[in-house]
Amino acid sequence: MVMAWPKSSPAIQRSRMTLGLLAFVRSGTLLRFLFAVIVTLAASSYAAAQVGISEVHVLPRAMPASPAPTRQTVRANVDLVLVNVTVLDHADRAVTGLEPANFAVLDNKSPQIVRYLSNVDEPISLVVVLDASASMAAKIQEARKALTELINTSNPQDDFALIVIHDQPRVALHFDDPLSEIQGTVDALQPDGFTALWDSMYLGITELENSHYQRKAMVVLSDGGDNHSRYTESDIKSLLEEAGVEVYAIGMFDRFASRPEEKIGPLQLDEVTSITGGRVFSAHDSSELSRAVTRISHELRNQYVLGYYPSNRSRDGKWRRLKVHLTGSASQTKFRLYAKKGYYAPTE
């Protein structure tokens, strides 16, 4: 005969469940379970934080699509457009003493009246992009000397930042860091890795957003073209058109380039620098390198800054082509003039 236990009432069942739960709590099993859950959640949060810390400073373009990089736009003031202008004679010496009447400005082919002209050695914020990739092993000492010479021949009030080119660029010296630290930083550089030139220039443009002066410039010291960047030459040109940064480059090129990036490097640097009013210098030995540094420093300290109120006052945010040339007696002399190619109008 099979015996069946009598069926419990709902009240008895609830009492049994309550007693079971109390026993579970008293045994410590529930506390250990909750503690394990808390530890697991904390570990997950820590791992996520570590992923954020290890991210590269230069943001890659979205993949697989390749839209223009996100950037903070610096546009000309609608009330006064300022243009840095370099005028050189046949011996590459800076020409001084010119008057507003010696300059003509075309803004989208429309003549403008020069209202402001200065030739004063005003302080500048200068970021140096120094190549410390593996291909620079035999040239790094000369590059160190060039950087020291650039600092020594600059306006004492200039402020400097330093970007180092490796596989991934880094800011080796911020504008707010003491300049006395730069020598030790440069001496400690060990050439290694590939040449992320465009990424390094992008980082330099970003760093200039934190600089102290309205005049901004960049000097690139490299031995060839890019071979490891996420950004492209086109991206950097677009950024420079908006940022108001004048770019010079010193190409420490080999006389007989063997790698593809070395062959196209001079042309790419020329295209990037020319849109800003700067230019590229080729340096095959220490004397040419020293001469290039001296000329860049001299040009930056003897530039004209001209200003005009554009006849087109619309805030349409469009690109406006800019053409500056010499007039009158200055146009009859064999002077060469360098200025940026245009600017973006403001937006509402």
C-alpha atoms as a PDB file:
ATOM      1  CA  MET A   1       0.000   0.000   0.000  1.00  0.00           C
ATOM      2  CA  VAL A   2       1.296   3.371  -0.974  1.00  0.00           C
ATOM      3  CA  MET A   3       0.969   6.116   1.611  1.00  0.00           C
ATOM      4  CA  ALA A   4       0.375   9.697   0.442  1.00  0.00           C
ATOM      5  CA  TRP A   5       1.341  12.744   2.503  1.00  0.00           C
ATOM      6  CA  PRO A   6      -1.577  14.996   3.171  1.00  0.00           C
ATOM      7  CA  LYS A   7      -1.717  18.080   0.947  1.00  0.00           C
ATOM      8  CA  SER A   8      -0.472  21.236   2.738  1.00  0.00           C
ATOM      9  CA  SER A   9      -2.585  24.357   2.903  1.00  0.00           C
ATOM     10  CA  PRO A  10      -1.324  27.608   1.205  1.00  0.00           C
ATOM     11  CA  ALA A  11      -0.544  29.118   4.602  1.00  0.00           C
ATOM     12  CA  ILE A  12       1.663  26.156   5.544  1.00  0.00           C
ATOM     13  CA  GLN A  13       3.431  26.360   2.188  1.00  0.00           C
ATOM     14  CA  ARG A  14       4.188  30.060   2.711  1.00  0.00           C
ATOM     15  CA  SER A  15       5.576  29.330   6.183  1.00  0.00           C
ATOM     16  CA  ARG A  16       7.878  26.638   4.807  1.00  0.00           C
ATOM     17  CA  MET A  17       9.198  29.048   2.099  1.00  0.00           C
ATOM     18  CA  THR A  18       9.858  31.743   4.686  1.00  0.00           C
ATOM     19  CA  LEU A  19      11.766  29.337   6.942  1.00  0.00           C
ATOM     20  CA  GLY A  20      13.818  28.118   3.985  1.00  0.00           C
ATOM     21  CA  LEU A  21      14.775  31.649   2.995  1.00  0.00           C
ATOM     22  CA  LEU A  22      15.826  32.516   6.553  1.00  0.00           C
ATOM     23  CA  ALA A  23      18.001  29.415   6.670  1.00  0.00           C
ATOM     24  CA  PHE A  24      19.566  30.427   3.312  1.00  0.00           C
ATOM     25  CA  VAL A  25      20.439  33.888   4.623  1.00  0.00           C
ATOM     26  CA  ARG A  26      21.795  32.589   7.959  1.00  0.00           C
ATOM     27  CA  SER A  27      24.063  30.128   6.172  1.00  0.00           C
ATOM     28  CA  GLY A  28      25.817  33.046   4.399  1.00  0.00           C
ATOM     29  CA  THR A  29      25.151  31.596   0.942  1.00  0.00           C
ATOM     30  CA  LEU A  30      23.090  34.599  -0.152  1.00  0.00           C
ATOM     31  CA  LEU A  31      25.735  37.081   1.039  1.00  0.00           C
ATOM     32  CA  ARG A  32      28.436  35.196  -0.859  1.00  0.00           C
ATOM     33  CA  PHE A  33      26.251  35.206  -3.968  1.00  0.00           C
ATOM     34  CA  LEU A  34      25.675  38.992  -3.787  1.00  0.00           C
ATOM     35  CA  PHE A  35      29.373  39.623  -3.175  1.00  0.00           C
ATOM     36  CA  ALA A  36      30.282  37.596  -6.288  1.00  0.00           C
ATOM     37  CA  VAL A  37      27.844  39.629  -8.381  1.00  0.00           C
ATOM     38  CA  ILE A  38      29.335  42.922  -7.116  1.00  0.00           C
ATOM     39  CA  VAL A  39      32.906  41.765  -7.836  1.00  0.00           C
ATOM     40  CA  THR A  40      31.945  40.689 -11.360  1.00  0.00           C
ATOM     41  CA  LEU A  41      30.338  44.065 -12.130  1.00  0.00           C
ATOM     42  CA  ALA A  42      33.353  45.955 -10.755  1.00  0.00           C
ATOM     43  CA  ALA A  43      35.758  43.895 -12.863  1.00  0.00           C
ATOM     44  CA  SER A  44      33.722  44.628 -15.978  1.00  0.00           C
ATOM     45  CA  SER A  45      33.769  48.365 -15.269  1.00  0.00           C
ATOM     46  CA  TYR A  46      37.532  48.320 -14.705  1.00  0.00           C
ATOM     47  CA  ALA A  47      38.136  46.453 -17.974  1.00  0.00           C
ATOM     48  CA  ALA A  48      36.027  48.991 -19.858  1.00  0.00           C
ATOM     49  CA  ALA A  49      38.009  51.831 -18.294  1.00  0.00           C
ATOM     50  CA  GLN A  50      41.270  50.228 -19.339  1.00  0.00           C
ATOM     51  CA  VAL A  51      40.093  50.048 -22.935  1.00  0.00           C
ATOM     52  CA  GLY A  52      39.389  53.794 -22.842  1.00  0.00           C
ATOM     53  CA  ILE A  53      42.818  54.584 -21.403  1.00  0.00           C
ATOM     54  CA  SER A  54      44.673  52.642 -24.083  1.00  0.00           C
ATOM     55  CA  GLU A  55      42.919  54.352 -27.028  1.00  0.00           C
ATOM     56  CA  VAL A  56      45.136  56.117 -29.564  1.00  0.00           C
ATOM     57  CA  HIS A  57      45.196  59.895 -29.335  1.00  0.00           C
ATOM     58  CA  VAL A  58      44.683  60.268 -33.094  1.00  0.00           C
ATOM     59  CA  LEU A  59      41.184  59.156 -34.011  1.00  0.00           C
ATOM     60  CA  PRO A  60      40.991  56.929 -37.107  1.00  0.00           C
ATOM     61  CA  ARG A  61      38.651  57.586 -40.003  1.00  0.00           C
ATOM     62  CA  ALA A  62      35.459  55.584 -39.894  1.00  0.00           C
ATOM     63  CA  MET A  63      35.704  52.243 -41.684  1.00  0.00           C
ATOM     64  CA  PRO A  64      34.794  51.057 -44.236  1.00  0.00           C
ATOM     65  CA  ALA A  65      33.604  54.494 -45.305  1.00  0.00           C
ATOM     66  CA  SER A  66      36.171  57.316 -45.256  1.00  0.00           C
ATOM     67  CA  PRO A  67      34.441  60.609 -44.430  1.00  0.00           C
ATOM     68  CA  ALA A  68      36.390  63.738 -43.588  1.00  0.00           C
ATOM     69  CA  PRO A  69      37.638  63.697 -39.965  1.00  0.00           C
ATOM     70  CA  THR A  70      35.693  65.467 -37.275  1.00  0.00           C
ATOM     71  CA  ARG A  71      37.383  68.754 -36.507  1.00  0.00           C
ATOM     72  CA  GLN A  72      36.914  72.071 -34.799  1.00  0.00           C
ATOM     73  CA  THR A  73      36.720  74.783 -37.446  1.00  0.00           C
ATOM     74  CA  VAL A  74      38.600  78.070 -37.113  1.00  0.00           C
ATOM     75  CA  ARG A  75      37.174  80.580 -39.571  1.00  0.00           C
ATOM     76  CA  ALA A  76      38.001  84.171 -40.512  1.00  0.00           C
ATOM     77  CA  ASN A  77      36.211  86.961 -38.684  1.00  0.00           C
ATOM     78  CA  VAL A  78      33.606  88.554 -40.930  1.00  0.00           C
ATOM     79  CA  ASP A  79      34.751  92.062 -39.932  1.00  0.00           C
ATOM     80  CA  LEU A  80      38.455  91.693 -40.644  1.00  0.00           C
ATOM     81  CA  VAL A  81      40.350  89.053 -42.612  1.00  0.00           C
ATOM     82  CA  LEU A  82      44.026  88.767 -41.650  1.00  0.00           C
ATOM     83  CA  VAL A  83      46.585  87.273 -44.032  1.00  0.00           C
ATOM     84  CA  ASN A  84      50.263  86.485 -43.351  1.00  0.00           C
ATOM     85  CA  VAL A  85      52.360  87.483 -46.362  1.00  0.00           C
ATOM     86  CA  THR A  86      56.034  86.735 -47.019  1.00  0.00           C
ATOM     87  CA  VAL A  87      57.903  88.827 -49.609  1.00  0.00           C
ATOM     88  CA  LEU A  88      61.394  87.730 -50.693  1.00  0.00           C
ATOM     89  CA  ASP A  89      63.980  89.219 -53.046  1.00  0.00           C
ATOM     90  CA  HIS A  90      66.097  87.328 -55.597  1.00  0.00           C
ATOM     91  CA  ALA A  91      68.494  86.222 -52.832  1.00  0.00           C
ATOM     92  CA  ASP A  92      65.683  84.865 -50.623  1.00  0.00           C
ATOM     93  CA  ARG A  93      65.987  87.780 -48.206  1.00  0.00           C
ATOM     94  CA  ALA A  94      62.855  89.173 -46.584  1.00  0.00           C
ATOM     95  CA  VAL A  95      61.716  92.469 -48.103  1.00  0.00           C
ATOM     96  CA  THR A  96      60.607  95.077 -45.581  1.00  0.00           C
ATOM     97  CA  GLY A  97      59.349  98.659 -45.841  1.00  0.00           C
ATOM     98  CA  LEU A  98      56.372  98.028 -48.141  1.00  0.00           C
ATOM     99  CA  GLU A  99      53.155 100.035 -47.780  1.00  0.00           C
ATOM    100  CA  PRO A 100      49.462  99.019 -48.051  1.00  0.00           C
ATOM    101  CA  ALA A 101      49.413 100.497 -51.570  1.00  0.00           C
ATOM    102  CA  ASN A 102      52.017  97.897 -52.604  1.00  0.00           C
ATOM    103  CA  PHE A 103      49.541  95.036 -52.070  1.00  0.00           C
ATOM    104  CA  ALA A 104      46.470  94.040 -54.035  1.00  0.00           C
ATOM    105  CA  VAL A 105      43.977  91.487 -52.691  1.00  0.00           C
ATOM    106  CA  LEU A 106      41.386  89.532 -54.647  1.00  0.00           C
ATOM    107  CA  ASP A 107      38.712  87.776 -52.579  1.00  0.00           C
ATOM    108  CA  ASN A 108      36.863  85.404 -54.931  1.00  0.00           C
ATOM    109  CA  LYS A 109      38.205  87.608 -57.759  1.00  0.00           C
ATOM    110  CA  SER A 110      36.708  90.709 -56.154  1.00  0.00           C
ATOM    111  CA  PRO A 111      39.255  93.506 -55.395  1.00  0.00           C
ATOM    112  CA  GLN A 112      39.566  94.461 -51.737  1.00  0.00           C
ATOM    113  CA  ILE A 113      40.985  97.498 -49.951  1.00  0.00           C
ATOM    114  CA  VAL A 114      43.897  96.793 -47.582  1.00  0.00           C
ATOM    115  CA  ARG A 115      43.002  98.567 -44.326  1.00  0.00           C
ATOM    116  CA  TYR A 116      45.713  97.201 -42.059  1.00  0.00           C
ATOM    117  CA  LEU A 117      49.378  96.326 -42.602  1.00  0.00           C
ATOM    118  CA  SER A 118      51.984  95.361 -40.024  1.00  0.00           C
ATOM    119  CA  ASN A 119      55.588  94.248 -40.356  1.00  0.00           C
ATOM    120  CA  VAL A 120      56.335  93.918 -36.653  1.00  0.00           C
ATOM    121  CA  ASP A 121      58.081  90.822 -35.249  1.00  0.00           C
ATOM    122  CA  GLU A 122      55.083  89.601 -33.265  1.00  0.00           C
ATOM    123  CA  PRO A 123      55.248  86.414 -31.141  1.00  0.00           C
ATOM    124  CA  ILE A 124      54.025  83.205 -32.714  1.00  0.00           C
ATOM    125  CA  SER A 125      52.881  79.803 -31.478  1.00  0.00           C
ATOM    126  CA  LEU A 126      55.005  77.220 -33.250  1.00  0.00           C
ATOM    127  CA  VAL A 127      54.567  73.453 -33.213  1.00  0.00           C
ATOM    128  CA  VAL A 128      57.487  71.363 -34.487  1.00  0.00           C
ATOM    129  CA  VAL A 129      56.680  67.942 -35.969  1.00  0.00           C
ATOM    130  CA  LEU A 130      59.890  65.922 -35.683  1.00  0.00           C
ATOM    131  CA  ASP A 131      60.359  62.609 -37.473  1.00  0.00           C
ATOM    132  CA  ALA A 132      61.794  59.950 -35.164  1.00  0.00           C
ATOM    133  CA  SER A 133      60.855  56.915 -37.249  1.00  0.00           C
ATOM    134  CA  ALA A 134      63.361  54.149 -37.973  1.00  0.00           C
ATOM    135  CA  SER A 135      64.461  55.692 -41.292  1.00  0.00           C
ATOM    136  CA  MET A 136      65.771  58.724 -39.380  1.00  0.00           C
ATOM    137  CA  ALA A 137      68.403  56.717 -37.461  1.00  0.00           C
ATOM    138  CA  ALA A 138      71.331  58.202 -39.406  1.00  0.00           C
ATOM    139  CA  LYS A 139      69.854  61.718 -39.399  1.00  0.00           C
ATOM    140  CA  ILE A 140      68.395  62.139 -35.930  1.00  0.00           C
ATOM    141  CA  GLN A 141      71.420  63.981 -34.556  1.00  0.00           C
ATOM    142  CA  GLU A 142      71.215  66.571 -37.348  1.00  0.00           C
ATOM    143  CA  ALA A 143      67.489  66.902 -36.710  1.00  0.00           C
ATOM    144  CA  ARG A 144      68.175  67.582 -33.022  1.00  0.00           C
ATOM    145  CA  LYS A 145      70.614  70.348 -33.962  1.00  0.00           C
ATOM    146  CA  ALA A 146      68.110  71.859 -36.387  1.00  0.00           C
ATOM    147  CA  LEU A 147      65.432  72.020 -33.691  1.00  0.00           C
ATOM    148  CA  THR A 148      67.832  73.689 -31.252  1.00  0.00           C
ATOM    149  CA  GLU A 149      68.827  76.226 -33.899  1.00  0.00           C
ATOM    150  CA  LEU A 150      65.191  76.972 -34.713  1.00  0.00           C
ATOM    151  CA  ILE A 151      64.465  77.739 -31.062  1.00  0.00           C
ATOM    152  CA  ASN A 152      67.603  79.847 -30.628  1.00  0.00           C
ATOM    153  CA  THR A 153      66.833  82.026 -33.679  1.00  0.00           C
ATOM    154  CA  SER A 154      63.164  82.549 -32.870  1.00  0.00           C
ATOM    155  CA  ASN A 155      61.502  85.470 -31.119  1.00  0.00           C
ATOM    156  CA  PRO A 156      62.208  85.002 -27.380  1.00  0.00           C
ATOM    157  CA  GLN A 157      58.461  85.367 -26.724  1.00  0.00           C
ATOM    158  CA  ASP A 158      57.459  82.555 -29.092  1.00  0.00           C
ATOM    159  CA  ASP A 159      55.954  79.473 -27.497  1.00  0.00           C
ATOM    160  CA  PHE A 160      56.713  75.955 -28.696  1.00  0.00           C
ATOM    161  CA  ALA A 161      55.151  72.509 -28.767  1.00  0.00           C
ATOM    162  CA  LEU A 162      56.770  69.305 -30.045  1.00  0.00           C
ATOM    163  CA  ILE A 163      55.117  66.365 -31.810  1.00  0.00           C
ATOM    164  CA  VAL A 164      57.207  63.225 -32.346  1.00  0.00           C
ATOM    165  CA  ILE A 165      56.536  61.019 -35.383  1.00  0.00           C
ATOM    166  CA  HIS A 166      56.467  57.273 -34.733  1.00  0.00           C
ATOM    167  CA  ASP A 167      53.956  54.536 -35.579  1.00  0.00           C
ATOM    168  CA  GLN A 168      51.629  56.552 -33.370  1.00  0.00           C
ATOM    169  CA  PRO A 169      52.474  60.254 -32.856  1.00  0.00           C
ATOM    170  CA  ARG A 170      52.726  61.759 -29.419  1.00  0.00           C
ATOM    171  CA  VAL A 171      52.959  65.210 -27.891  1.00  0.00           C
ATOM    172  CA  ALA A 172      56.459  65.360 -26.408  1.00  0.00           C
ATOM    173  CA  LEU A 173      56.118  68.985 -25.269  1.00  0.00           C
ATOM    174  CA  HIS A 174      52.925  70.972 -24.715  1.00  0.00           C
ATOM    175  CA  PHE A 175      52.732  74.755 -25.059  1.00  0.00           C
ATOM    176  CA  ASP A 176      52.390  75.142 -21.299  1.00  0.00           C
ATOM    177  CA  ASP A 177      55.441  72.977 -20.539  1.00  0.00           C
ATOM    178  CA  PRO A 178      58.749  74.716 -19.727  1.00  0.00           C
ATOM    179  CA  LEU A 179      60.871  75.126 -22.866  1.00  0.00           C
ATOM    180  CA  SER A 180      63.897  74.069 -20.824  1.00  0.00           C
ATOM    181  CA  GLU A 181      62.583  70.491 -20.956  1.00  0.00           C
ATOM    182  CA  ILE A 182      62.732  70.223 -24.738  1.00  0.00           C
ATOM    183  CA  GLN A 183      66.454  69.504 -25.027  1.00  0.00           C
ATOM    184  CA  GLY A 184      66.336  66.509 -22.699  1.00  0.00           C
ATOM    185  CA  THR A 185      63.230  65.249 -24.476  1.00  0.00           C
ATOM    186  CA  VAL A 186      64.863  65.456 -27.911  1.00  0.00           C
ATOM    187  CA  ASP A 187      68.148  63.924 -26.731  1.00  0.00           C
ATOM    188  CA  ALA A 188      66.237  60.915 -25.414  1.00  0.00           C
ATOM    189  CA  LEU A 189      64.526  60.172 -28.742  1.00  0.00           C
ATOM    190  CA  GLN A 190      65.337  56.782 -30.247  1.00  0.00           C
ATOM    191  CA  PRO A 191      64.362  56.378 -33.936  1.00  0.00           C
ATOM    192  CA  ASP A 192      61.965  53.495 -34.373  1.00  0.00           C
ATOM    193  CA  GLY A 193      58.887  52.385 -36.287  1.00  0.00           C
ATOM    194  CA  PHE A 194      57.081  53.728 -39.333  1.00  0.00           C
ATOM    195  CA  THR A 195      56.311  57.309 -40.408  1.00  0.00           C
ATOM    196  CA  ALA A 196      52.793  58.409 -39.425  1.00  0.00           C
ATOM    197  CA  LEU A 197      53.337  61.887 -40.889  1.00  0.00           C
ATOM    198  CA  TRP A 198      49.720  62.919 -41.543  1.00  0.00           C
ATOM    199  CA  ASP A 199      48.570  61.688 -38.131  1.00  0.00           C
ATOM    200  CA  SER A 200      51.389  63.685 -36.536  1.00  0.00           C
ATOM    201  CA  MET A 201      50.424  66.856 -38.400  1.00  0.00           C
ATOM    202  CA  TYR A 202      46.808  66.324 -37.343  1.00  0.00           C
ATOM    203  CA  LEU A 203      47.946  66.079 -33.721  1.00  0.00           C
ATOM    204  CA  GLY A 204      49.991  69.268 -34.203  1.00  0.00           C
ATOM    205  CA  ILE A 205      46.958  71.167 -35.517  1.00  0.00           C
ATOM    206  CA  THR A 206      44.967  69.969 -32.515  1.00  0.00           C
ATOM    207  CA  GLU A 207      47.728  71.066 -30.143  1.00  0.00           C
ATOM    208  CA  LEU A 208      47.741  74.559 -31.698  1.00  0.00           C
ATOM    209  CA  GLU A 209      44.152  75.012 -30.529  1.00  0.00           C
ATOM    210  CA  ASN A 210      45.630  75.370 -27.015  1.00  0.00           C
ATOM    211  CA  SER A 211      48.343  77.873 -28.009  1.00  0.00           C
ATOM    212  CA  HIS A 212      48.622  81.434 -26.736  1.00  0.00           C
ATOM    213  CA  TYR A 213      49.043  83.615 -29.824  1.00  0.00           C
ATOM    214  CA  GLN A 214      46.879  84.427 -32.812  1.00  0.00           C
ATOM    215  CA  ARG A 215      49.734  83.727 -35.232  1.00  0.00           C
ATOM    216  CA  LYS A 216      50.232  79.985 -35.573  1.00  0.00           C
ATOM    217  CA  ALA A 217      52.784  77.989 -37.545  1.00  0.00           C
ATOM    218  CA  MET A 218      54.089  74.458 -37.950  1.00  0.00           C
ATOM    219  CA  VAL A 219      57.546  73.253 -38.985  1.00  0.00           C
ATOM    220  CA  VAL A 220      57.877  69.642 -40.149  1.00  0.00           C
ATOM    221  CA  LEU A 221      61.267  67.890 -40.041  1.00  0.00           C
ATOM    222  CA  SER A 222      61.130  64.592 -41.919  1.00  0.00           C
ATOM    223  CA  ASP A 223      63.072  62.448 -44.383  1.00  0.00           C
ATOM    224  CA  GLY A 224      60.196  61.281 -46.553  1.00  0.00           C
ATOM    225  CA  GLY A 225      56.521  60.676 -47.068  1.00  0.00           C
ATOM    226  CA  ASP A 226      53.891  58.978 -44.951  1.00  0.00           C
ATOM    227  CA  ASN A 227      53.589  55.191 -44.685  1.00  0.00           C
ATOM    228  CA  HIS A 228      51.510  54.550 -41.553  1.00  0.00           C
ATOM    229  CA  SER A 229      48.731  57.145 -41.037  1.00  0.00           C
ATOM    230  CA  ARG A 230      44.998  56.828 -40.648  1.00  0.00           C
ATOM    231  CA  TYR A 231      44.502  60.326 -42.004  1.00  0.00           C
ATOM    232  CA  THR A 232      45.341  61.223 -45.595  1.00  0.00           C
ATOM    233  CA  GLU A 233      47.050  64.118 -47.307  1.00  0.00           C
ATOM    234  CA  SER A 234      43.616  65.353 -48.408  1.00  0.00           C
ATOM    235  CA  ASP A 235      42.354  65.298 -44.803  1.00  0.00           C
ATOM    236  CA  ILE A 236      45.291  67.395 -43.617  1.00  0.00           C
ATOM    237  CA  LYS A 237      44.918  69.922 -46.445  1.00  0.00           C
ATOM    238  CA  SER A 238      41.238  70.367 -45.542  1.00  0.00           C
ATOM    239  CA  LEU A 239      42.139  70.884 -41.891  1.00  0.00           C
ATOM    240  CA  LEU A 240      44.847  73.420 -42.714  1.00  0.00           C
ATOM    241  CA  GLU A 241      42.518  75.404 -44.954  1.00  0.00           C
ATOM    242  CA  GLU A 242      40.303  75.985 -41.932  1.00  0.00           C
ATOM    243  CA  ALA A 243      42.846  76.206 -39.128  1.00  0.00           C
ATOM    244  CA  GLY A 244      44.806  79.300 -40.206  1.00  0.00           C
ATOM    245  CA  VAL A 245      48.141  77.532 -39.600  1.00  0.00           C
ATOM    246  CA  GLU A 246      51.153  78.367 -41.751  1.00  0.00           C
ATOM    247  CA  VAL A 247      53.231  75.259 -42.508  1.00  0.00           C
ATOM    248  CA  TYR A 248      56.898  74.981 -43.427  1.00  0.00           C
ATOM    249  CA  ALA A 249      58.687  71.692 -44.036  1.00  0.00           C
ATOM    250  CA  ILE A 250      62.331  70.715 -44.131  1.00  0.00           C
ATOM    251  CA  GLY A 251      62.758  67.551 -46.137  1.00  0.00           C
ATOM    252  CA  MET A 252      65.890  65.683 -45.070  1.00  0.00           C
ATOM    253  CA  PHE A 253      65.702  63.705 -48.299  1.00  0.00           C
ATOM    254  CA  ASP A 254      68.209  61.200 -49.627  1.00  0.00           C
ATOM    255  CA  ARG A 255      69.598  62.211 -53.000  1.00  0.00           C
ATOM    256  CA  PHE A 256      68.485  58.893 -54.505  1.00  0.00           C
ATOM    257  CA  ALA A 257      65.139  57.852 -53.045  1.00  0.00           C
ATOM    258  CA  SER A 258      64.451  54.120 -53.022  1.00  0.00           C
ATOM    259  CA  ARG A 259      61.146  53.751 -51.172  1.00  0.00           C
ATOM    260  CA  PRO A 260      57.834  54.858 -52.789  1.00  0.00           C
ATOM    261  CA  GLU A 261      57.008  57.234 -49.934  1.00  0.00           C
ATOM    262  CA  GLU A 262      60.421  58.887 -50.278  1.00  0.00           C
ATOM    263  CA  LYS A 263      59.790  59.517 -53.982  1.00  0.00           C
ATOM    264  CA  ILE A 264      56.407  61.198 -53.503  1.00  0.00           C
ATOM    265  CA  GLY A 265      57.265  62.819 -50.158  1.00  0.00           C
ATOM    266  CA  PRO A 266      58.696  66.085 -51.584  1.00  0.00           C
ATOM    267  CA  LEU A 267      55.686  66.645 -53.834  1.00  0.00           C
ATOM    268  CA  GLN A 268      53.189  65.923 -51.057  1.00  0.00           C
ATOM    269  CA  LEU A 269      54.931  68.270 -48.629  1.00  0.00           C
ATOM    270  CA  ASP A 270      55.018  70.980 -51.289  1.00  0.00           C
ATOM    271  CA  GLU A 271      51.270  70.663 -51.880  1.00  0.00           C
ATOM    272  CA  VAL A 272      50.450  70.754 -48.173  1.00  0.00           C
ATOM    273  CA  THR A 273      52.702  73.710 -47.322  1.00  0.00           C
ATOM    274  CA  SER A 274      51.819  75.876 -50.337  1.00  0.00           C
ATOM    275  CA  ILE A 275      48.106  76.136 -49.510  1.00  0.00           C
ATOM    276  CA  THR A 276      49.026  77.751 -46.180  1.00  0.00           C
ATOM    277  CA  GLY A 277      51.523  80.316 -47.533  1.00  0.00           C
ATOM    278  CA  GLY A 278      54.520  78.272 -46.384  1.00  0.00           C
ATOM    279  CA  ARG A 279      56.892  76.137 -48.432  1.00  0.00           C
ATOM    280  CA  VAL A 280      59.202  73.153 -48.330  1.00  0.00           C
ATOM    281  CA  PHE A 281      63.008  73.199 -48.192  1.00  0.00           C
ATOM    282  CA  SER A 282      65.170  70.272 -49.286  1.00  0.00           C
ATOM    283  CA  ALA A 283      68.204  69.586 -47.109  1.00  0.00           C
ATOM    284  CA  HIS A 284      70.682  66.919 -48.214  1.00  0.00           C
ATOM    285  CA  ASP A 285      73.441  67.766 -45.732  1.00  0.00           C
ATOM    286  CA  SER A 286      74.042  69.657 -42.490  1.00  0.00           C
ATOM    287  CA  SER A 287      74.859  72.988 -44.183  1.00  0.00           C
ATOM    288  CA  GLU A 288      71.626  72.938 -46.226  1.00  0.00           C
ATOM    289  CA  LEU A 289      69.700  71.967 -43.115  1.00  0.00           C
ATOM    290  CA  SER A 290      71.123  74.890 -41.141  1.00  0.00           C
ATOM    291  CA  ARG A 291      70.406  77.259 -44.016  1.00  0.00           C
ATOM    292  CA  ALA A 292      66.788  76.068 -44.225  1.00  0.00           C
ATOM    293  CA  VAL A 293      66.232  76.606 -40.489  1.00  0.00           C
ATOM    294  CA  THR A 294      67.701  80.120 -40.701  1.00  0.00           C
ATOM    295  CA  ARG A 295      65.485  81.056 -43.639  1.00  0.00           C
ATOM    296  CA  ILE A 296      62.310  79.769 -42.000  1.00  0.00           C
ATOM    297  CA  SER A 297      63.062  81.602 -38.774  1.00  0.00           C
ATOM    298  CA  HIS A 298      63.905  84.787 -40.672  1.00  0.00           C
ATOM    299  CA  GLU A 299      60.727  84.635 -42.749  1.00  0.00           C
ATOM    300  CA  LEU A 300      58.483  84.064 -39.741  1.00  0.00           C
ATOM    301  CA  ARG A 301      60.019  87.069 -38.001  1.00  0.00           C
ATOM    302  CA  ASN A 302      59.747  89.390 -41.018  1.00  0.00           C
ATOM    303  CA  GLN A 303      56.285  88.658 -42.363  1.00  0.00           C
ATOM    304  CA  TYR A 304      53.628  91.186 -43.224  1.00  0.00           C
ATOM    305  CA  VAL A 305      50.186  90.819 -41.720  1.00  0.00           C
ATOM    306  CA  LEU A 306      47.618  92.563 -43.881  1.00  0.00           C
ATOM    307  CA  GLY A 307      43.955  92.983 -43.100  1.00  0.00           C
ATOM    308  CA  TYR A 308      40.878  93.906 -45.084  1.00  0.00           C
ATOM    309  CA  TYR A 309      37.121  94.034 -44.627  1.00  0.00           C
ATOM    310  CA  PRO A 310      35.644  91.678 -47.248  1.00  0.00           C
ATOM    311  CA  SER A 311      33.065  93.265 -49.548  1.00  0.00           C
ATOM    312  CA  ASN A 312      31.080  90.028 -49.290  1.00  0.00           C
ATOM    313  CA  ARG A 313      29.696  90.169 -45.736  1.00  0.00           C
ATOM    314  CA  SER A 314      27.487  87.079 -45.991  1.00  0.00           C
ATOM    315  CA  ARG A 315      28.018  84.387 -43.346  1.00  0.00           C
ATOM    316  CA  ASP A 316      27.616  81.471 -45.739  1.00  0.00           C
ATOM    317  CA  GLY A 317      30.524  79.332 -44.484  1.00  0.00           C
ATOM    318  CA  LYS A 318      31.799  78.891 -48.032  1.00  0.00           C
ATOM    319  CA  TRP A 319      35.387  78.624 -49.226  1.00  0.00           C
ATOM    320  CA  ARG A 320      36.701  81.896 -50.650  1.00  0.00           C
ATOM    321  CA  ARG A 321      39.714  81.901 -52.898  1.00  0.00           C
ATOM    322  CA  LEU A 322      42.373  84.427 -51.980  1.00  0.00           C
ATOM    323  CA  LYS A 323      44.969  85.998 -54.256  1.00  0.00           C
ATOM    324  CA  VAL A 324      47.545  88.497 -52.993  1.00  0.00           C
ATOM    325  CA  HIS A 325      50.029  90.156 -55.331  1.00  0.00           C
ATOM    326  CA  LEU A 326      52.286  93.197 -55.444  1.00  0.00           C
ATOM    327  CA  THR A 327      51.425  96.421 -57.227  1.00  0.00           C
ATOM    328  CA  GLY A 328      53.155  99.682 -58.164  1.00  0.00           C
ATOM    329  CA  SER A 329      56.926  99.868 -57.931  1.00  0.00           C
ATOM    330  CA  ALA A 330      57.086  96.635 -55.907  1.00  0.00           C
ATOM    331  CA  SER A 331      55.579  94.689 -58.811  1.00  0.00           C
ATOM    332  CA  GLN A 332      58.363  95.875 -61.112  1.00  0.00           C
ATOM    333  CA  THR A 333      61.031  94.218 -58.959  1.00  0.00           C
ATOM    334  CA  LYS A 334      61.752  90.509 -58.984  1.00  0.00           C
ATOM    335  CA  PHE A 335      60.118  89.877 -55.628  1.00  0.00           C
ATOM    336  CA  ARG A 336      58.365  86.618 -54.742  1.00  0.00           C
ATOM    337  CA  LEU A 337      55.256  86.596 -52.576  1.00  0.00           C
ATOM    338  CA  TYR A 338      53.805  83.763 -50.472  1.00  0.00           C
ATOM    339  CA  ALA A 339      50.337  83.816 -48.880  1.00  0.00           C
ATOM    340  CA  LYS A 340      47.579  81.337 -48.108  1.00  0.00           C
ATOM    341  CA  LYS A 341      45.251  80.339 -50.943  1.00  0.00           C
ATOM    342  CA  GLY A 342      41.947  81.099 -49.267  1.00  0.00           C
ATOM    343  CA  TYR A 343      39.756  80.893 -46.162  1.00  0.00           C
ATOM    344  CA  TYR A 344      36.311  79.811 -45.037  1.00  0.00           C
ATOM    345  CA  ALA A 345      33.729  82.528 -44.393  1.00  0.00           C
ATOM    346  CA  PRO A 346      31.996  82.540 -41.008  1.00  0.00           C
ATOM    347  CA  THR A 347      28.648  80.908 -40.399  1.00  0.00           C
ATOM    348  CA  GLU A 348      25.699  82.181 -38.391  1.00  0.00           C
END
